[in-house]
Amino acid sequence: MKRGDTKRMNKKSIITKGIAVSLAVALLIGGGTFAYLQSESNNIENKFRTNQVNVSLEETTGGDYNIIPGTEQTKDPKVTVMATVPAYVYVEVTDATEGLINYEIAEGWKKLGNFDNIYYREVENSNSEQEFNVLENNMVSYDSSLENEDMLNENGTLKDGIKLTFKASAVQKEPFNDPIKAYYQSETDVATEDDLQSALESAEDNATILVS
């Protein structure tokens, strides 16, 4: 290729580039040459709030008591609930006192189904802890009619294993909206034949009962 031809090609290339740049500038200034029908919506933001249902059971009066006929003692088991959604709260009372201890369940607790030892109450949602006493007036008492023979086994030894035990649990109210269904959702564990019979009588269809 001759030298003159190279110059002419370079000159042509420069002219071509110049035309392209000029067209691009013209499009930017004029605008709308390549416009489309288009639109855009506003954002819709969905926020989801987390929740919790927690329960604890505490007692400040200790765990050892003397049975003295005609007296009473302070006993203050208390259920504390942190539920940011409506919930059912349960307390199970296992009475192995052989009738030597008198007590009443505090107002606000209801018996659950056919159970004689399980009580429940409904709580509203709250961002603060809610507290509920288990025993009326936080007291247990001993009948003045108790005698020595009431304290003894058949062989003449003092009875032992006299206990009053409390256990608390809580379950969200929805989607059950029924305290028995909600209670069985967390599975009921039974250890004795009497427990099993009571569970079967109170159970709803499709309840899960664990036999240990």
N, C-alpha and C. Protein backbone atom coordinates (compact mmCIF):
# COMPACT_ATOMS: atom_id res chain seq x y z
N MET A 1 0.86 -1.19 0.00
CA MET A 1 0.00 0.00 0.00
C MET A 1 0.89 1.24 0.00
N LYS A 2 0.48 2.17 -0.82
CA LYS A 2 1.28 3.38 -0.93
C LYS A 2 1.05 4.29 0.26
N ARG A 3 2.03 5.11 0.48
CA ARG A 3 1.97 6.03 1.61
C ARG A 3 0.81 6.99 1.49
N GLY A 4 0.50 7.42 0.33
CA GLY A 4 -0.61 8.33 0.11
C GLY A 4 -1.94 7.68 0.44
N ASP A 5 -2.01 6.39 0.09
CA ASP A 5 -3.25 5.68 0.39
C ASP A 5 -3.48 5.59 1.90
N THR A 6 -2.42 5.37 2.67
CA THR A 6 -2.52 5.28 4.13
C THR A 6 -3.05 6.56 4.72
N LYS A 7 -2.56 7.67 4.20
CA LYS A 7 -3.03 8.97 4.70
C LYS A 7 -4.50 9.16 4.43
N ARG A 8 -4.91 8.76 3.20
CA ARG A 8 -6.32 8.93 2.88
C ARG A 8 -7.21 8.08 3.77
N MET A 9 -6.78 6.82 4.11
CA MET A 9 -7.55 5.93 4.98
C MET A 9 -7.66 6.50 6.39
N ASN A 10 -6.57 7.00 6.94
CA ASN A 10 -6.59 7.59 8.27
C ASN A 10 -7.53 8.79 8.32
N LYS A 11 -7.49 9.58 7.24
CA LYS A 11 -8.35 10.75 7.16
C LYS A 11 -9.81 10.32 7.12
N LYS A 12 -10.10 9.26 6.36
CA LYS A 12 -11.46 8.75 6.26
C LYS A 12 -11.94 8.21 7.61
N SER A 13 -11.03 7.52 8.34
CA SER A 13 -11.37 6.98 9.65
C SER A 13 -11.69 8.08 10.63
N ILE A 14 -10.93 9.15 10.57
CA ILE A 14 -11.16 10.28 11.46
C ILE A 14 -12.50 10.91 11.18
N ILE A 15 -12.83 11.03 9.91
CA ILE A 15 -14.11 11.63 9.52
C ILE A 15 -15.26 10.76 10.00
N THR A 16 -15.12 9.41 9.86
CA THR A 16 -16.16 8.49 10.28
C THR A 16 -16.40 8.58 11.79
N LYS A 17 -15.32 8.58 12.56
CA LYS A 17 -15.44 8.71 14.01
C LYS A 17 -16.10 10.02 14.39
N GLY A 18 -15.76 11.06 13.69
CA GLY A 18 -16.34 12.36 13.98
C GLY A 18 -17.83 12.37 13.75
N ILE A 19 -18.25 11.72 12.67
CA ILE A 19 -19.69 11.64 12.38
C ILE A 19 -20.42 10.88 13.48
N ALA A 20 -19.81 9.74 13.96
CA ALA A 20 -20.43 8.94 15.01
C ALA A 20 -20.59 9.74 16.29
N VAL A 21 -19.56 10.47 16.65
CA VAL A 21 -19.62 11.30 17.86
C VAL A 21 -20.68 12.37 17.70
N SER A 22 -20.75 12.97 16.53
CA SER A 22 -21.75 14.01 16.29
C SER A 22 -23.16 13.47 16.42
N LEU A 23 -23.39 12.24 15.90
CA LEU A 23 -24.71 11.63 16.00
C LEU A 23 -25.09 11.34 17.45
N ALA A 24 -24.10 10.82 18.22
CA ALA A 24 -24.37 10.52 19.63
C ALA A 24 -24.75 11.77 20.38
N VAL A 25 -24.04 12.88 20.12
CA VAL A 25 -24.33 14.15 20.78
C VAL A 25 -25.72 14.63 20.38
N ALA A 26 -26.03 14.48 19.10
CA ALA A 26 -27.34 14.93 18.62
C ALA A 26 -28.46 14.14 19.27
N LEU A 27 -28.26 12.82 19.46
CA LEU A 27 -29.27 12.00 20.10
C LEU A 27 -29.49 12.43 21.56
N LEU A 28 -28.38 12.71 22.25
CA LEU A 28 -28.49 13.13 23.64
C LEU A 28 -29.21 14.46 23.78
N ILE A 29 -28.90 15.37 22.85
CA ILE A 29 -29.52 16.69 22.92
C ILE A 29 -30.99 16.62 22.52
N GLY A 30 -31.24 15.93 21.42
CA GLY A 30 -32.60 15.86 20.92
C GLY A 30 -33.49 14.98 21.78
N GLY A 31 -32.96 13.86 22.24
CA GLY A 31 -33.70 12.95 23.10
C GLY A 31 -34.93 12.36 22.44
N GLY A 32 -35.47 11.25 23.01
CA GLY A 32 -36.73 10.69 22.55
C GLY A 32 -36.61 9.84 21.30
N THR A 33 -35.47 9.83 20.67
CA THR A 33 -35.33 9.05 19.44
C THR A 33 -35.53 7.57 19.68
N PHE A 34 -35.03 7.08 20.85
CA PHE A 34 -35.17 5.67 21.20
C PHE A 34 -36.02 5.49 22.47
N ALA A 35 -36.98 6.34 22.69
CA ALA A 35 -37.84 6.25 23.88
C ALA A 35 -38.81 5.07 23.75
N TYR A 36 -39.22 4.49 24.92
CA TYR A 36 -40.17 3.39 24.97
C TYR A 36 -41.31 3.76 25.91
N LEU A 37 -42.45 3.09 25.74
CA LEU A 37 -43.52 3.23 26.72
C LEU A 37 -43.14 2.44 27.96
N GLN A 38 -43.05 3.09 29.08
CA GLN A 38 -42.62 2.40 30.29
C GLN A 38 -43.13 3.11 31.53
N SER A 39 -43.14 2.34 32.65
CA SER A 39 -43.63 2.87 33.92
C SER A 39 -43.00 2.09 35.05
N GLU A 40 -43.08 2.62 36.25
CA GLU A 40 -42.49 1.97 37.43
C GLU A 40 -43.35 2.24 38.65
N SER A 41 -43.61 1.19 39.46
CA SER A 41 -44.47 1.37 40.64
C SER A 41 -43.65 1.82 41.84
N ASN A 42 -44.37 2.26 42.86
CA ASN A 42 -43.74 2.53 44.14
C ASN A 42 -43.42 1.21 44.85
N ASN A 43 -42.48 1.22 45.78
CA ASN A 43 -42.15 0.04 46.57
C ASN A 43 -43.24 -0.22 47.61
N ILE A 44 -43.57 -1.48 47.79
CA ILE A 44 -44.44 -1.89 48.91
C ILE A 44 -43.57 -2.70 49.87
N GLU A 45 -43.37 -2.19 51.07
CA GLU A 45 -42.48 -2.83 52.04
C GLU A 45 -43.29 -3.57 53.09
N ASN A 46 -43.00 -4.86 53.26
CA ASN A 46 -43.67 -5.68 54.28
C ASN A 46 -42.71 -5.94 55.43
N LYS A 47 -43.16 -5.60 56.62
CA LYS A 47 -42.33 -5.82 57.81
C LYS A 47 -42.94 -6.93 58.66
N PHE A 48 -42.10 -7.83 59.15
CA PHE A 48 -42.55 -8.96 59.96
C PHE A 48 -41.91 -8.87 61.34
N ARG A 49 -42.74 -8.90 62.37
CA ARG A 49 -42.25 -8.75 63.74
C ARG A 49 -42.07 -10.13 64.37
N THR A 50 -40.93 -10.36 64.98
CA THR A 50 -40.68 -11.61 65.68
C THR A 50 -41.39 -11.60 67.03
N ASN A 51 -41.68 -12.78 67.57
CA ASN A 51 -42.40 -12.90 68.84
C ASN A 51 -41.79 -13.99 69.71
N GLN A 52 -42.24 -14.03 70.95
CA GLN A 52 -41.75 -15.05 71.87
C GLN A 52 -42.81 -15.39 72.91
N VAL A 53 -42.76 -16.63 73.38
CA VAL A 53 -43.59 -17.08 74.50
C VAL A 53 -42.66 -17.84 75.45
N ASN A 54 -42.31 -17.23 76.55
CA ASN A 54 -41.41 -17.83 77.54
C ASN A 54 -42.10 -17.88 78.90
N VAL A 55 -41.78 -18.91 79.66
CA VAL A 55 -42.39 -19.06 80.98
C VAL A 55 -41.34 -19.55 81.97
N SER A 56 -41.46 -19.10 83.20
CA SER A 56 -40.57 -19.57 84.27
C SER A 56 -41.38 -19.71 85.55
N LEU A 57 -40.86 -20.49 86.47
CA LEU A 57 -41.53 -20.75 87.75
C LEU A 57 -40.52 -20.61 88.87
N GLU A 58 -40.82 -19.74 89.82
CA GLU A 58 -39.88 -19.50 90.92
C GLU A 58 -40.62 -19.50 92.24
N GLU A 59 -39.85 -19.77 93.29
CA GLU A 59 -40.40 -19.74 94.65
C GLU A 59 -39.33 -19.20 95.58
N THR A 60 -39.70 -18.24 96.42
CA THR A 60 -38.71 -17.59 97.28
C THR A 60 -38.70 -18.15 98.69
N THR A 61 -39.67 -19.00 99.02
CA THR A 61 -39.83 -19.45 100.41
C THR A 61 -39.13 -20.78 100.70
N GLY A 62 -38.34 -21.24 99.76
CA GLY A 62 -37.60 -22.48 100.01
C GLY A 62 -38.39 -23.72 99.68
N GLY A 63 -37.76 -24.89 99.88
CA GLY A 63 -38.40 -26.14 99.52
C GLY A 63 -38.63 -27.10 100.66
N ASP A 64 -38.25 -26.75 101.87
CA ASP A 64 -38.40 -27.65 103.02
C ASP A 64 -39.35 -27.03 104.06
N TYR A 65 -40.32 -27.84 104.50
CA TYR A 65 -41.33 -27.34 105.43
C TYR A 65 -41.59 -28.39 106.51
N ASN A 66 -42.00 -27.93 107.68
CA ASN A 66 -42.40 -28.81 108.77
C ASN A 66 -43.91 -28.84 108.89
N ILE A 67 -44.46 -30.04 108.95
CA ILE A 67 -45.90 -30.17 109.13
C ILE A 67 -46.21 -30.08 110.63
N ILE A 68 -46.81 -28.95 111.01
CA ILE A 68 -47.17 -28.73 112.40
C ILE A 68 -48.66 -28.45 112.44
N PRO A 69 -49.47 -29.39 112.98
CA PRO A 69 -50.92 -29.23 112.99
C PRO A 69 -51.37 -27.89 113.56
N GLY A 70 -52.36 -27.30 112.90
CA GLY A 70 -52.93 -26.04 113.38
C GLY A 70 -52.15 -24.81 112.96
N THR A 71 -51.16 -24.96 112.10
CA THR A 71 -50.37 -23.80 111.66
C THR A 71 -50.47 -23.64 110.14
N GLU A 72 -49.93 -22.54 109.68
CA GLU A 72 -49.83 -22.30 108.25
C GLU A 72 -48.46 -21.73 107.94
N GLN A 73 -48.06 -21.87 106.68
CA GLN A 73 -46.75 -21.38 106.27
C GLN A 73 -46.86 -20.70 104.91
N THR A 74 -45.95 -19.76 104.70
CA THR A 74 -45.90 -19.08 103.41
C THR A 74 -45.24 -19.98 102.37
N LYS A 75 -45.88 -20.10 101.23
CA LYS A 75 -45.33 -20.85 100.11
C LYS A 75 -45.77 -20.13 98.85
N ASP A 76 -44.82 -19.61 98.08
CA ASP A 76 -45.18 -18.66 97.03
C ASP A 76 -44.70 -19.03 95.62
N PRO A 77 -45.04 -20.21 95.09
CA PRO A 77 -44.69 -20.48 93.70
C PRO A 77 -45.35 -19.45 92.78
N LYS A 78 -44.57 -18.89 91.86
CA LYS A 78 -45.07 -17.82 91.00
C LYS A 78 -44.64 -18.09 89.56
N VAL A 79 -45.61 -17.99 88.66
CA VAL A 79 -45.35 -18.17 87.24
C VAL A 79 -45.09 -16.81 86.61
N THR A 80 -44.00 -16.70 85.86
CA THR A 80 -43.69 -15.47 85.14
C THR A 80 -43.72 -15.77 83.65
N VAL A 81 -44.47 -14.95 82.90
CA VAL A 81 -44.66 -15.17 81.47
C VAL A 81 -44.20 -13.95 80.69
N MET A 82 -43.45 -14.20 79.63
CA MET A 82 -43.15 -13.16 78.65
C MET A 82 -43.74 -13.63 77.33
N ALA A 83 -44.88 -13.08 76.97
CA ALA A 83 -45.59 -13.50 75.76
C ALA A 83 -45.96 -12.27 74.94
N THR A 84 -45.34 -12.11 73.81
CA THR A 84 -45.65 -10.97 72.94
C THR A 84 -46.83 -11.26 72.03
N VAL A 85 -47.38 -12.47 72.13
CA VAL A 85 -48.64 -12.83 71.46
C VAL A 85 -49.54 -13.47 72.51
N PRO A 86 -50.86 -13.46 72.31
CA PRO A 86 -51.75 -14.13 73.27
C PRO A 86 -51.35 -15.59 73.45
N ALA A 87 -51.44 -16.08 74.70
CA ALA A 87 -50.95 -17.43 74.99
C ALA A 87 -51.79 -18.08 76.09
N TYR A 88 -51.67 -19.40 76.15
CA TYR A 88 -52.21 -20.17 77.26
C TYR A 88 -51.05 -20.51 78.19
N VAL A 89 -51.28 -20.33 79.49
CA VAL A 89 -50.28 -20.67 80.49
C VAL A 89 -50.84 -21.78 81.36
N TYR A 90 -50.02 -22.79 81.63
CA TYR A 90 -50.47 -23.96 82.39
C TYR A 90 -49.59 -24.14 83.62
N VAL A 91 -50.20 -24.67 84.68
CA VAL A 91 -49.45 -25.10 85.84
C VAL A 91 -49.96 -26.47 86.26
N GLU A 92 -49.05 -27.39 86.39
CA GLU A 92 -49.38 -28.75 86.80
C GLU A 92 -48.97 -28.94 88.26
N VAL A 93 -49.91 -29.39 89.07
CA VAL A 93 -49.67 -29.57 90.50
C VAL A 93 -49.67 -31.08 90.80
N THR A 94 -48.54 -31.59 91.20
CA THR A 94 -48.43 -33.00 91.58
C THR A 94 -48.47 -33.10 93.09
N ASP A 95 -49.58 -33.63 93.59
CA ASP A 95 -49.82 -33.67 95.04
C ASP A 95 -49.51 -35.06 95.57
N ALA A 96 -48.41 -35.16 96.30
CA ALA A 96 -48.04 -36.41 96.97
C ALA A 96 -47.97 -36.15 98.47
N THR A 97 -48.98 -35.44 98.99
CA THR A 97 -48.97 -35.03 100.40
C THR A 97 -49.83 -35.92 101.29
N GLU A 98 -50.54 -36.88 100.68
CA GLU A 98 -51.39 -37.81 101.43
C GLU A 98 -52.41 -37.10 102.32
N GLY A 99 -52.85 -35.94 101.87
CA GLY A 99 -53.89 -35.20 102.60
C GLY A 99 -53.38 -34.46 103.81
N LEU A 100 -52.08 -34.38 103.99
CA LEU A 100 -51.53 -33.69 105.16
C LEU A 100 -51.40 -32.18 104.95
N ILE A 101 -51.49 -31.73 103.69
CA ILE A 101 -51.28 -30.32 103.37
C ILE A 101 -52.57 -29.75 102.79
N ASN A 102 -52.97 -28.60 103.27
CA ASN A 102 -54.12 -27.90 102.72
C ASN A 102 -53.66 -26.68 101.92
N TYR A 103 -54.30 -26.46 100.76
CA TYR A 103 -53.96 -25.30 99.93
C TYR A 103 -55.08 -25.09 98.93
N GLU A 104 -55.13 -23.89 98.37
CA GLU A 104 -56.09 -23.55 97.33
C GLU A 104 -55.34 -22.94 96.16
N ILE A 105 -55.81 -23.24 94.95
CA ILE A 105 -55.21 -22.63 93.76
C ILE A 105 -55.71 -21.19 93.65
N ALA A 106 -54.83 -20.28 93.30
CA ALA A 106 -55.15 -18.85 93.26
C ALA A 106 -56.22 -18.54 92.22
N GLU A 107 -56.93 -17.47 92.45
CA GLU A 107 -57.99 -17.03 91.55
C GLU A 107 -57.42 -16.73 90.16
N GLY A 108 -58.18 -17.06 89.16
CA GLY A 108 -57.75 -16.80 87.78
C GLY A 108 -57.32 -18.05 87.04
N TRP A 109 -56.99 -19.10 87.79
CA TRP A 109 -56.63 -20.38 87.18
C TRP A 109 -57.89 -21.24 87.04
N LYS A 110 -57.99 -21.94 85.91
CA LYS A 110 -59.11 -22.83 85.66
C LYS A 110 -58.60 -24.26 85.45
N LYS A 111 -59.41 -25.24 85.83
CA LYS A 111 -59.03 -26.63 85.58
C LYS A 111 -59.05 -26.90 84.08
N LEU A 112 -58.09 -27.69 83.64
CA LEU A 112 -57.99 -28.04 82.23
C LEU A 112 -58.73 -29.35 81.97
N GLY A 113 -59.82 -29.28 81.23
CA GLY A 113 -60.57 -30.49 80.88
C GLY A 113 -60.92 -31.32 82.09
N ASN A 114 -60.65 -32.62 81.99
CA ASN A 114 -60.94 -33.56 83.08
C ASN A 114 -59.78 -33.74 84.05
N PHE A 115 -58.74 -32.99 83.85
CA PHE A 115 -57.60 -33.10 84.76
C PHE A 115 -57.92 -32.43 86.09
N ASP A 116 -57.58 -33.08 87.17
CA ASP A 116 -57.77 -32.51 88.50
C ASP A 116 -56.53 -31.76 88.98
N ASN A 117 -55.42 -31.91 88.26
CA ASN A 117 -54.17 -31.32 88.76
C ASN A 117 -53.51 -30.38 87.75
N ILE A 118 -54.20 -30.06 86.65
CA ILE A 118 -53.63 -29.14 85.67
C ILE A 118 -54.57 -27.95 85.53
N TYR A 119 -54.00 -26.77 85.64
CA TYR A 119 -54.78 -25.53 85.59
C TYR A 119 -54.21 -24.64 84.48
N TYR A 120 -55.05 -23.76 83.96
CA TYR A 120 -54.58 -22.87 82.89
C TYR A 120 -55.21 -21.50 83.03
N ARG A 121 -54.64 -20.57 82.31
CA ARG A 121 -55.20 -19.24 82.20
C ARG A 121 -54.75 -18.65 80.86
N GLU A 122 -55.53 -17.70 80.35
CA GLU A 122 -55.17 -17.01 79.11
C GLU A 122 -54.47 -15.70 79.46
N VAL A 123 -53.43 -15.38 78.70
CA VAL A 123 -52.74 -14.12 78.90
C VAL A 123 -52.73 -13.35 77.59
N GLU A 124 -52.87 -12.04 77.69
CA GLU A 124 -52.81 -11.19 76.51
C GLU A 124 -51.36 -10.91 76.15
N ASN A 125 -51.15 -10.47 74.92
CA ASN A 125 -49.80 -10.14 74.50
C ASN A 125 -49.29 -8.92 75.26
N SER A 126 -48.02 -8.93 75.56
CA SER A 126 -47.41 -7.82 76.30
C SER A 126 -45.91 -7.83 76.04
N ASN A 127 -45.33 -6.66 76.06
CA ASN A 127 -43.87 -6.55 75.94
C ASN A 127 -43.20 -6.54 77.31
N SER A 128 -44.02 -6.75 78.35
CA SER A 128 -43.50 -6.82 79.71
C SER A 128 -43.83 -8.18 80.33
N GLU A 129 -43.09 -8.56 81.32
CA GLU A 129 -43.36 -9.82 82.01
C GLU A 129 -44.67 -9.74 82.80
N GLN A 130 -45.40 -10.83 82.82
CA GLN A 130 -46.64 -10.93 83.60
C GLN A 130 -46.45 -12.02 84.64
N GLU A 131 -46.86 -11.73 85.88
CA GLU A 131 -46.63 -12.65 86.99
C GLU A 131 -47.97 -13.11 87.58
N PHE A 132 -48.01 -14.41 87.93
CA PHE A 132 -49.23 -15.00 88.48
C PHE A 132 -48.87 -15.94 89.62
N ASN A 133 -49.46 -15.68 90.79
CA ASN A 133 -49.27 -16.60 91.91
C ASN A 133 -50.04 -17.89 91.65
N VAL A 134 -49.51 -19.00 92.13
CA VAL A 134 -50.15 -20.29 91.95
C VAL A 134 -51.10 -20.60 93.10
N LEU A 135 -50.69 -20.31 94.33
CA LEU A 135 -51.48 -20.63 95.51
C LEU A 135 -52.22 -19.40 96.05
N GLU A 136 -53.44 -19.61 96.48
CA GLU A 136 -54.21 -18.53 97.08
C GLU A 136 -53.52 -18.02 98.34
N ASN A 137 -53.29 -16.71 98.38
CA ASN A 137 -52.64 -16.04 99.52
C ASN A 137 -51.22 -16.55 99.76
N ASN A 138 -50.67 -17.29 98.82
CA ASN A 138 -49.29 -17.81 98.96
C ASN A 138 -49.12 -18.56 100.28
N MET A 139 -50.08 -19.45 100.58
CA MET A 139 -50.08 -20.15 101.85
C MET A 139 -50.39 -21.64 101.69
N VAL A 140 -49.80 -22.43 102.59
CA VAL A 140 -50.25 -23.80 102.83
C VAL A 140 -50.54 -23.90 104.32
N SER A 141 -51.44 -24.81 104.70
CA SER A 141 -51.78 -24.95 106.12
C SER A 141 -51.90 -26.42 106.48
N TYR A 142 -51.91 -26.68 107.79
CA TYR A 142 -51.98 -28.04 108.31
C TYR A 142 -53.14 -28.11 109.30
N ASP A 143 -54.02 -29.05 109.06
CA ASP A 143 -55.24 -29.17 109.86
C ASP A 143 -54.90 -29.44 111.33
N SER A 144 -55.64 -28.79 112.20
CA SER A 144 -55.40 -28.96 113.64
C SER A 144 -55.83 -30.35 114.12
N SER A 145 -56.57 -31.09 113.31
CA SER A 145 -57.02 -32.42 113.71
C SER A 145 -55.99 -33.52 113.43
N LEU A 146 -54.88 -33.16 112.81
CA LEU A 146 -53.84 -34.16 112.51
C LEU A 146 -53.25 -34.71 113.81
N GLU A 147 -53.03 -36.02 113.83
CA GLU A 147 -52.45 -36.68 115.00
C GLU A 147 -51.20 -37.44 114.59
N ASN A 148 -50.55 -38.01 115.62
CA ASN A 148 -49.33 -38.77 115.36
C ASN A 148 -49.54 -39.87 114.33
N GLU A 149 -50.65 -40.57 114.45
CA GLU A 149 -50.89 -41.70 113.55
C GLU A 149 -51.02 -41.26 112.10
N ASP A 150 -51.41 -39.98 111.87
CA ASP A 150 -51.49 -39.47 110.51
C ASP A 150 -50.11 -39.29 109.89
N MET A 151 -49.10 -39.15 110.75
CA MET A 151 -47.74 -38.92 110.29
C MET A 151 -46.95 -40.22 110.11
N LEU A 152 -47.53 -41.34 110.51
CA LEU A 152 -46.78 -42.60 110.56
C LEU A 152 -47.21 -43.57 109.48
N ASN A 153 -46.24 -44.36 109.03
CA ASN A 153 -46.53 -45.51 108.18
C ASN A 153 -47.11 -46.64 109.04
N GLU A 154 -47.55 -47.70 108.39
CA GLU A 154 -48.11 -48.83 109.11
C GLU A 154 -47.09 -49.49 110.04
N ASN A 155 -45.82 -49.38 109.68
CA ASN A 155 -44.78 -49.99 110.52
C ASN A 155 -44.32 -49.07 111.64
N GLY A 156 -44.97 -47.92 111.76
CA GLY A 156 -44.65 -47.02 112.86
C GLY A 156 -43.58 -46.00 112.55
N THR A 157 -43.01 -46.01 111.35
CA THR A 157 -41.99 -45.01 110.99
C THR A 157 -42.67 -43.77 110.41
N LEU A 158 -41.96 -42.65 110.53
CA LEU A 158 -42.51 -41.41 109.98
C LEU A 158 -42.61 -41.50 108.46
N LYS A 159 -43.69 -41.00 107.93
CA LYS A 159 -43.86 -40.97 106.48
C LYS A 159 -42.80 -40.06 105.85
N ASP A 160 -42.33 -40.47 104.68
CA ASP A 160 -41.43 -39.59 103.93
C ASP A 160 -41.96 -39.48 102.51
N GLY A 161 -41.29 -38.69 101.69
CA GLY A 161 -41.76 -38.49 100.32
C GLY A 161 -43.01 -37.64 100.22
N ILE A 162 -43.29 -36.87 101.28
CA ILE A 162 -44.45 -35.96 101.24
C ILE A 162 -44.04 -34.73 100.43
N LYS A 163 -44.63 -34.59 99.25
CA LYS A 163 -44.19 -33.53 98.34
C LYS A 163 -45.37 -32.85 97.66
N LEU A 164 -45.14 -31.59 97.33
CA LEU A 164 -46.07 -30.81 96.52
C LEU A 164 -45.22 -30.18 95.41
N THR A 165 -45.46 -30.60 94.17
CA THR A 165 -44.59 -30.19 93.07
C THR A 165 -45.37 -29.39 92.05
N PHE A 166 -44.74 -28.35 91.52
CA PHE A 166 -45.37 -27.48 90.53
C PHE A 166 -44.52 -27.44 89.25
N LYS A 167 -45.20 -27.38 88.13
CA LYS A 167 -44.53 -27.27 86.83
C LYS A 167 -45.34 -26.35 85.94
N ALA A 168 -44.68 -25.42 85.27
CA ALA A 168 -45.38 -24.45 84.42
C ALA A 168 -44.98 -24.63 82.96
N SER A 169 -45.91 -24.28 82.08
CA SER A 169 -45.63 -24.29 80.64
C SER A 169 -46.52 -23.24 79.98
N ALA A 170 -46.20 -22.88 78.74
CA ALA A 170 -46.99 -21.89 78.02
C ALA A 170 -46.92 -22.20 76.53
N VAL A 171 -48.03 -21.92 75.85
CA VAL A 171 -48.15 -22.18 74.41
C VAL A 171 -48.90 -21.01 73.78
N GLN A 172 -48.48 -20.61 72.59
CA GLN A 172 -49.21 -19.56 71.87
C GLN A 172 -50.66 -19.95 71.68
N LYS A 173 -51.55 -18.97 71.69
CA LYS A 173 -52.99 -19.25 71.59
C LYS A 173 -53.40 -19.65 70.18
N GLU A 174 -52.95 -18.91 69.18
CA GLU A 174 -53.24 -19.25 67.79
C GLU A 174 -52.21 -20.27 67.28
N PRO A 175 -52.59 -21.19 66.41
CA PRO A 175 -53.87 -21.31 65.72
C PRO A 175 -54.87 -22.22 66.44
N PHE A 176 -54.59 -22.59 67.68
CA PHE A 176 -55.43 -23.58 68.38
C PHE A 176 -56.74 -22.99 68.87
N ASN A 177 -56.61 -21.84 69.58
CA ASN A 177 -57.79 -21.18 70.16
C ASN A 177 -58.61 -22.13 71.02
N ASP A 178 -57.94 -23.06 71.64
CA ASP A 178 -58.56 -24.02 72.55
C ASP A 178 -57.47 -24.49 73.51
N PRO A 179 -57.66 -24.33 74.82
CA PRO A 179 -56.58 -24.64 75.77
C PRO A 179 -56.17 -26.11 75.79
N ILE A 180 -57.13 -27.02 75.52
CA ILE A 180 -56.79 -28.44 75.54
C ILE A 180 -55.97 -28.81 74.31
N LYS A 181 -56.42 -28.35 73.14
CA LYS A 181 -55.67 -28.63 71.91
C LYS A 181 -54.26 -28.05 71.98
N ALA A 182 -54.16 -26.85 72.51
CA ALA A 182 -52.84 -26.21 72.62
C ALA A 182 -51.95 -26.98 73.58
N TYR A 183 -52.54 -27.47 74.67
CA TYR A 183 -51.76 -28.21 75.66
C TYR A 183 -51.20 -29.50 75.06
N TYR A 184 -52.02 -30.20 74.31
CA TYR A 184 -51.55 -31.46 73.73
C TYR A 184 -50.62 -31.27 72.55
N GLN A 185 -50.61 -30.07 71.99
CA GLN A 185 -49.68 -29.81 70.89
C GLN A 185 -48.24 -29.97 71.35
N SER A 186 -47.98 -29.66 72.61
CA SER A 186 -46.63 -29.78 73.15
C SER A 186 -46.35 -31.18 73.68
N GLU A 187 -47.28 -32.11 73.48
CA GLU A 187 -47.17 -33.51 73.85
C GLU A 187 -47.23 -33.72 75.37
N THR A 188 -48.08 -34.61 75.77
CA THR A 188 -48.25 -34.92 77.18
C THR A 188 -47.51 -36.20 77.51
N ASP A 189 -46.68 -36.15 78.51
CA ASP A 189 -45.89 -37.31 78.93
C ASP A 189 -46.55 -37.92 80.16
N VAL A 190 -46.92 -39.20 80.07
CA VAL A 190 -47.55 -39.86 81.20
C VAL A 190 -46.68 -41.02 81.67
N ALA A 191 -46.64 -41.23 82.97
CA ALA A 191 -45.75 -42.24 83.53
C ALA A 191 -46.51 -43.36 84.24
N THR A 192 -47.76 -43.11 84.67
CA THR A 192 -48.51 -44.12 85.41
C THR A 192 -49.82 -44.43 84.69
N GLU A 193 -50.45 -45.52 85.10
CA GLU A 193 -51.72 -45.90 84.49
C GLU A 193 -52.80 -44.85 84.76
N ASP A 194 -52.79 -44.29 85.95
CA ASP A 194 -53.76 -43.25 86.27
C ASP A 194 -53.56 -42.02 85.38
N ASP A 195 -52.28 -41.65 85.17
CA ASP A 195 -51.98 -40.52 84.30
C ASP A 195 -52.48 -40.79 82.88
N LEU A 196 -52.26 -42.02 82.40
CA LEU A 196 -52.68 -42.37 81.06
C LEU A 196 -54.19 -42.29 80.92
N GLN A 197 -54.91 -42.84 81.91
CA GLN A 197 -56.37 -42.81 81.85
C GLN A 197 -56.89 -41.38 81.84
N SER A 198 -56.29 -40.53 82.67
CA SER A 198 -56.70 -39.13 82.72
C SER A 198 -56.41 -38.44 81.40
N ALA A 199 -55.25 -38.74 80.82
CA ALA A 199 -54.87 -38.13 79.55
C ALA A 199 -55.81 -38.55 78.43
N LEU A 200 -56.17 -39.84 78.42
CA LEU A 200 -57.08 -40.34 77.38
C LEU A 200 -58.46 -39.72 77.50
N GLU A 201 -58.91 -39.50 78.72
CA GLU A 201 -60.24 -38.90 78.92
C GLU A 201 -60.27 -37.45 78.49
N SER A 202 -59.14 -36.76 78.64
CA SER A 202 -59.10 -35.34 78.33
C SER A 202 -58.63 -35.06 76.91
N ALA A 203 -58.02 -36.04 76.28
CA ALA A 203 -57.37 -35.80 74.99
C ALA A 203 -58.37 -35.53 73.88
N GLU A 204 -57.96 -34.66 72.98
CA GLU A 204 -58.72 -34.42 71.75
C GLU A 204 -58.22 -35.38 70.67
N ASP A 205 -58.94 -35.47 69.58
CA ASP A 205 -58.51 -36.31 68.46
C ASP A 205 -57.14 -35.86 67.98
N ASN A 206 -56.34 -36.81 67.58
CA ASN A 206 -54.99 -36.56 67.04
C ASN A 206 -54.01 -36.05 68.08
N ALA A 207 -54.36 -36.14 69.37
CA ALA A 207 -53.41 -35.73 70.42
C ALA A 207 -52.27 -36.73 70.49
N THR A 208 -51.10 -36.24 70.88
CA THR A 208 -49.92 -37.08 71.04
C THR A 208 -49.68 -37.33 72.53
N ILE A 209 -49.71 -38.58 72.95
CA ILE A 209 -49.49 -38.91 74.35
C ILE A 209 -48.28 -39.83 74.43
N LEU A 210 -47.28 -39.42 75.19
CA LEU A 210 -46.06 -40.19 75.34
C LEU A 210 -46.14 -40.99 76.62
N VAL A 211 -45.88 -42.29 76.52
CA VAL A 211 -45.89 -43.18 77.70
C VAL A 211 -44.44 -43.49 78.05
N SER A 212 -44.04 -43.13 79.26
CA SER A 212 -42.65 -43.34 79.68
C SER A 212 -42.59 -44.47 80.71
